């Protein structure tokens, strides 16, 4: 298991978290806080959004994590989680 280098590089907010998602009428109206925006591997937002799930009630926000992401990157999440546990 590891992080492959064949992922598309995309422009992304860099910090998708519940506190940065504005909801209106049960739908995502805006994403705020773009200070960490940049060019990252396609899995970046998925992996780092999952890292904070234990402390967030996404259903209260009117959304669920799978609906935020078109593609899932569970293998990359596990690899990053392992790498970060070493430090």
N, C-alpha and C. Protein backbone atom coordinates (compact mmCIF):
# COMPACT_ATOMS: atom_id res chain seq x y z
N UNK A 1 0.85 -1.17 0.00
CA UNK A 1 0.00 0.00 0.00
C UNK A 1 0.90 1.23 0.00
N UNK A 2 0.53 2.20 -0.78
CA UNK A 2 1.30 3.42 -0.81
C UNK A 2 0.60 4.47 -1.65
N UNK A 3 1.23 5.61 -1.74
CA UNK A 3 0.68 6.70 -2.54
C UNK A 3 1.29 6.65 -3.92
N UNK A 4 0.46 6.39 -4.93
CA UNK A 4 0.97 6.36 -6.29
C UNK A 4 1.13 7.78 -6.81
N UNK A 5 1.87 7.91 -7.87
CA UNK A 5 2.15 9.22 -8.43
C UNK A 5 1.35 9.47 -9.71
N UNK A 6 0.38 8.62 -10.01
CA UNK A 6 -0.34 8.75 -11.27
C UNK A 6 -1.68 9.48 -11.14
N UNK A 7 -1.87 10.19 -10.06
CA UNK A 7 -3.12 10.94 -9.88
C UNK A 7 -3.04 12.29 -10.59
N UNK A 8 -4.19 12.69 -11.12
CA UNK A 8 -4.29 14.00 -11.75
C UNK A 8 -4.04 15.08 -10.70
N UNK A 9 -3.40 16.16 -11.09
CA UNK A 9 -3.18 17.30 -10.21
C UNK A 9 -4.29 18.31 -10.51
N UNK A 10 -5.00 18.72 -9.46
CA UNK A 10 -6.16 19.61 -9.63
C UNK A 10 -6.07 20.80 -8.69
N UNK A 11 -6.73 21.89 -9.05
CA UNK A 11 -6.80 23.05 -8.16
C UNK A 11 -7.94 22.81 -7.18
N UNK A 12 -7.66 22.94 -5.90
CA UNK A 12 -8.63 22.61 -4.86
C UNK A 12 -8.48 23.53 -3.66
N UNK A 13 -9.53 23.69 -2.85
CA UNK A 13 -9.44 24.58 -1.69
C UNK A 13 -8.36 24.19 -0.68
N UNK A 14 -8.04 22.91 -0.61
CA UNK A 14 -6.97 22.48 0.29
C UNK A 14 -7.39 22.29 1.73
N UNK A 15 -8.63 22.63 2.07
CA UNK A 15 -9.08 22.55 3.46
C UNK A 15 -10.59 22.35 3.52
N UNK A 16 -11.09 21.32 2.83
CA UNK A 16 -12.53 21.05 2.91
C UNK A 16 -12.82 20.52 4.30
N UNK A 17 -13.63 21.24 5.02
CA UNK A 17 -14.05 20.85 6.36
C UNK A 17 -15.45 21.41 6.57
N UNK A 18 -16.19 20.83 7.48
CA UNK A 18 -17.57 21.27 7.71
C UNK A 18 -17.65 22.77 7.97
N UNK A 19 -16.68 23.29 8.70
CA UNK A 19 -16.71 24.72 9.04
C UNK A 19 -16.53 25.63 7.82
N UNK A 20 -16.08 25.06 6.70
CA UNK A 20 -15.83 25.85 5.50
C UNK A 20 -16.90 25.66 4.42
N UNK A 21 -17.98 24.96 4.76
CA UNK A 21 -19.04 24.69 3.80
C UNK A 21 -20.31 25.41 4.24
N UNK A 22 -20.79 26.31 3.41
CA UNK A 22 -22.03 27.02 3.70
C UNK A 22 -23.19 26.27 3.04
N UNK A 23 -24.21 25.97 3.85
CA UNK A 23 -25.37 25.22 3.38
C UNK A 23 -26.59 26.13 3.33
N UNK A 24 -27.32 26.07 2.23
CA UNK A 24 -28.58 26.82 2.10
C UNK A 24 -29.62 25.87 1.50
N UNK A 25 -30.73 25.74 2.20
CA UNK A 25 -31.82 24.88 1.75
C UNK A 25 -31.35 23.46 1.47
N UNK A 26 -30.48 22.95 2.34
CA UNK A 26 -30.02 21.57 2.23
C UNK A 26 -29.00 21.30 1.15
N UNK A 27 -28.49 22.35 0.51
CA UNK A 27 -27.50 22.17 -0.56
C UNK A 27 -26.27 23.00 -0.27
N UNK A 28 -25.15 22.61 -0.83
CA UNK A 28 -23.93 23.39 -0.67
C UNK A 28 -24.09 24.68 -1.45
N UNK A 29 -24.00 25.81 -0.75
CA UNK A 29 -24.15 27.12 -1.38
C UNK A 29 -22.79 27.73 -1.70
N UNK A 30 -21.80 27.46 -0.86
CA UNK A 30 -20.47 28.03 -1.08
C UNK A 30 -19.44 27.28 -0.25
N UNK A 31 -18.22 27.37 -0.70
CA UNK A 31 -17.07 26.87 0.06
C UNK A 31 -16.20 28.08 0.35
N UNK A 32 -15.91 28.29 1.63
CA UNK A 32 -15.12 29.45 2.04
C UNK A 32 -13.76 29.02 2.56
N UNK A 33 -12.92 29.99 2.90
CA UNK A 33 -11.60 29.76 3.48
C UNK A 33 -10.66 29.08 2.49
N UNK A 34 -10.19 29.85 1.55
CA UNK A 34 -9.35 29.32 0.48
C UNK A 34 -7.86 29.59 0.72
N UNK A 35 -7.46 29.86 1.96
CA UNK A 35 -6.06 30.20 2.21
C UNK A 35 -5.09 29.06 1.91
N UNK A 36 -5.56 27.81 1.92
CA UNK A 36 -4.69 26.67 1.62
C UNK A 36 -4.88 26.16 0.20
N UNK A 37 -5.61 26.92 -0.62
CA UNK A 37 -5.88 26.50 -1.99
C UNK A 37 -4.59 26.33 -2.77
N UNK A 38 -4.62 25.39 -3.69
CA UNK A 38 -3.45 25.16 -4.52
C UNK A 38 -3.65 23.95 -5.41
N UNK A 39 -2.57 23.55 -6.03
CA UNK A 39 -2.57 22.41 -6.93
C UNK A 39 -2.13 21.17 -6.14
N UNK A 40 -3.05 20.22 -6.01
CA UNK A 40 -2.82 19.01 -5.20
C UNK A 40 -3.26 17.78 -5.99
N UNK A 41 -2.81 16.58 -5.55
CA UNK A 41 -3.32 15.35 -6.17
C UNK A 41 -4.84 15.26 -6.00
N UNK A 42 -5.50 14.62 -6.94
CA UNK A 42 -6.97 14.54 -6.93
C UNK A 42 -7.54 13.98 -5.64
N UNK A 43 -6.79 13.15 -4.93
CA UNK A 43 -7.29 12.54 -3.70
C UNK A 43 -7.18 13.45 -2.48
N UNK A 44 -6.50 14.57 -2.57
CA UNK A 44 -6.15 15.41 -1.42
C UNK A 44 -7.35 15.79 -0.54
N UNK A 45 -8.38 16.38 -1.12
CA UNK A 45 -9.53 16.83 -0.33
C UNK A 45 -10.25 15.67 0.34
N UNK A 46 -10.40 14.57 -0.39
CA UNK A 46 -11.08 13.41 0.18
C UNK A 46 -10.34 12.90 1.41
N UNK A 47 -9.04 12.73 1.28
CA UNK A 47 -8.22 12.20 2.38
C UNK A 47 -8.27 13.12 3.59
N UNK A 48 -8.08 14.39 3.41
CA UNK A 48 -8.00 15.29 4.55
C UNK A 48 -9.38 15.65 5.12
N UNK A 49 -10.44 15.52 4.33
CA UNK A 49 -11.79 15.68 4.88
C UNK A 49 -12.11 14.51 5.80
N UNK A 50 -11.73 13.31 5.41
CA UNK A 50 -12.00 12.14 6.24
C UNK A 50 -11.24 12.18 7.56
N UNK A 51 -10.08 12.79 7.57
CA UNK A 51 -9.28 12.84 8.80
C UNK A 51 -10.03 13.54 9.93
N UNK A 52 -10.92 14.46 9.63
CA UNK A 52 -11.63 15.18 10.67
C UNK A 52 -13.04 14.69 10.94
N UNK A 53 -13.43 13.58 10.35
CA UNK A 53 -14.81 13.12 10.47
C UNK A 53 -15.23 12.75 11.88
N UNK A 54 -14.33 12.30 12.70
CA UNK A 54 -14.70 11.87 14.04
C UNK A 54 -15.30 13.01 14.86
N UNK A 55 -14.94 14.24 14.55
CA UNK A 55 -15.40 15.38 15.32
C UNK A 55 -16.51 16.18 14.65
N UNK A 56 -17.03 15.68 13.53
CA UNK A 56 -18.00 16.45 12.75
C UNK A 56 -19.27 15.63 12.52
N UNK A 57 -20.40 16.25 12.70
CA UNK A 57 -21.67 15.62 12.37
C UNK A 57 -22.10 16.14 11.00
N UNK A 58 -21.66 15.48 9.94
CA UNK A 58 -21.93 15.93 8.59
C UNK A 58 -23.42 15.92 8.28
N UNK A 59 -24.18 15.00 8.87
CA UNK A 59 -25.62 14.95 8.61
C UNK A 59 -26.32 16.21 9.11
N UNK A 60 -25.83 16.79 10.19
CA UNK A 60 -26.40 18.04 10.70
C UNK A 60 -26.25 19.14 9.66
N UNK A 61 -25.21 19.07 8.87
CA UNK A 61 -24.98 20.07 7.84
C UNK A 61 -25.89 19.87 6.63
N UNK A 62 -26.61 18.77 6.60
CA UNK A 62 -27.49 18.51 5.47
C UNK A 62 -26.76 17.85 4.32
N UNK A 63 -25.62 17.28 4.60
CA UNK A 63 -24.85 16.63 3.55
C UNK A 63 -24.12 15.44 4.13
N UNK A 64 -23.62 14.61 3.27
CA UNK A 64 -22.82 13.47 3.69
C UNK A 64 -21.53 13.50 2.90
N UNK A 65 -20.47 12.99 3.48
CA UNK A 65 -19.18 13.02 2.81
C UNK A 65 -19.22 12.39 1.42
N UNK A 66 -19.82 11.21 1.23
CA UNK A 66 -19.81 10.64 -0.12
C UNK A 66 -20.43 11.56 -1.17
N UNK A 67 -21.42 12.35 -0.79
CA UNK A 67 -22.05 13.22 -1.77
C UNK A 67 -21.17 14.42 -2.14
N UNK A 68 -20.15 14.69 -1.34
CA UNK A 68 -19.25 15.80 -1.64
C UNK A 68 -18.21 15.43 -2.68
N UNK A 69 -17.93 14.15 -2.81
CA UNK A 69 -16.85 13.70 -3.68
C UNK A 69 -17.35 12.73 -4.73
N UNK A 70 -16.98 12.99 -5.98
CA UNK A 70 -17.38 12.10 -7.06
C UNK A 70 -16.63 10.78 -6.99
N UNK A 71 -15.40 10.82 -6.55
CA UNK A 71 -14.57 9.63 -6.50
C UNK A 71 -14.05 9.43 -5.09
N UNK A 72 -13.94 8.17 -4.68
CA UNK A 72 -13.43 7.86 -3.35
C UNK A 72 -11.98 7.40 -3.46
N UNK A 73 -11.21 7.76 -2.46
CA UNK A 73 -9.78 7.42 -2.43
C UNK A 73 -9.44 6.78 -1.10
N UNK A 74 -10.09 5.66 -0.79
CA UNK A 74 -9.89 5.02 0.51
C UNK A 74 -8.47 4.51 0.70
N UNK A 75 -7.85 3.97 -0.34
CA UNK A 75 -6.47 3.48 -0.22
C UNK A 75 -5.52 4.62 0.11
N UNK A 76 -5.69 5.76 -0.53
CA UNK A 76 -4.84 6.91 -0.25
C UNK A 76 -5.07 7.43 1.16
N UNK A 77 -6.33 7.39 1.61
CA UNK A 77 -6.64 7.81 2.98
C UNK A 77 -5.89 6.94 3.98
N UNK A 78 -5.92 5.63 3.80
CA UNK A 78 -5.23 4.72 4.72
C UNK A 78 -3.72 4.95 4.69
N UNK A 79 -3.17 5.19 3.51
CA UNK A 79 -1.73 5.43 3.40
C UNK A 79 -1.34 6.71 4.12
N UNK A 80 -2.08 7.79 3.91
CA UNK A 80 -1.77 9.07 4.58
C UNK A 80 -1.95 8.93 6.08
N UNK A 81 -3.00 8.26 6.49
CA UNK A 81 -3.24 8.05 7.93
C UNK A 81 -2.07 7.32 8.57
N UNK A 82 -1.56 6.28 7.89
CA UNK A 82 -0.41 5.54 8.40
C UNK A 82 0.82 6.43 8.47
N UNK A 83 1.09 7.16 7.41
CA UNK A 83 2.27 8.04 7.36
C UNK A 83 2.22 9.07 8.49
N UNK A 84 1.06 9.68 8.70
CA UNK A 84 0.93 10.69 9.75
C UNK A 84 1.02 10.09 11.15
N UNK A 85 0.69 8.82 11.29
CA UNK A 85 0.79 8.17 12.61
C UNK A 85 2.24 7.95 13.02
N UNK A 86 3.15 8.02 12.07
CA UNK A 86 4.57 7.81 12.36
C UNK A 86 5.24 9.03 12.96
N UNK A 87 4.59 10.17 12.83
CA UNK A 87 5.23 11.39 13.33
C UNK A 87 4.69 11.81 14.67
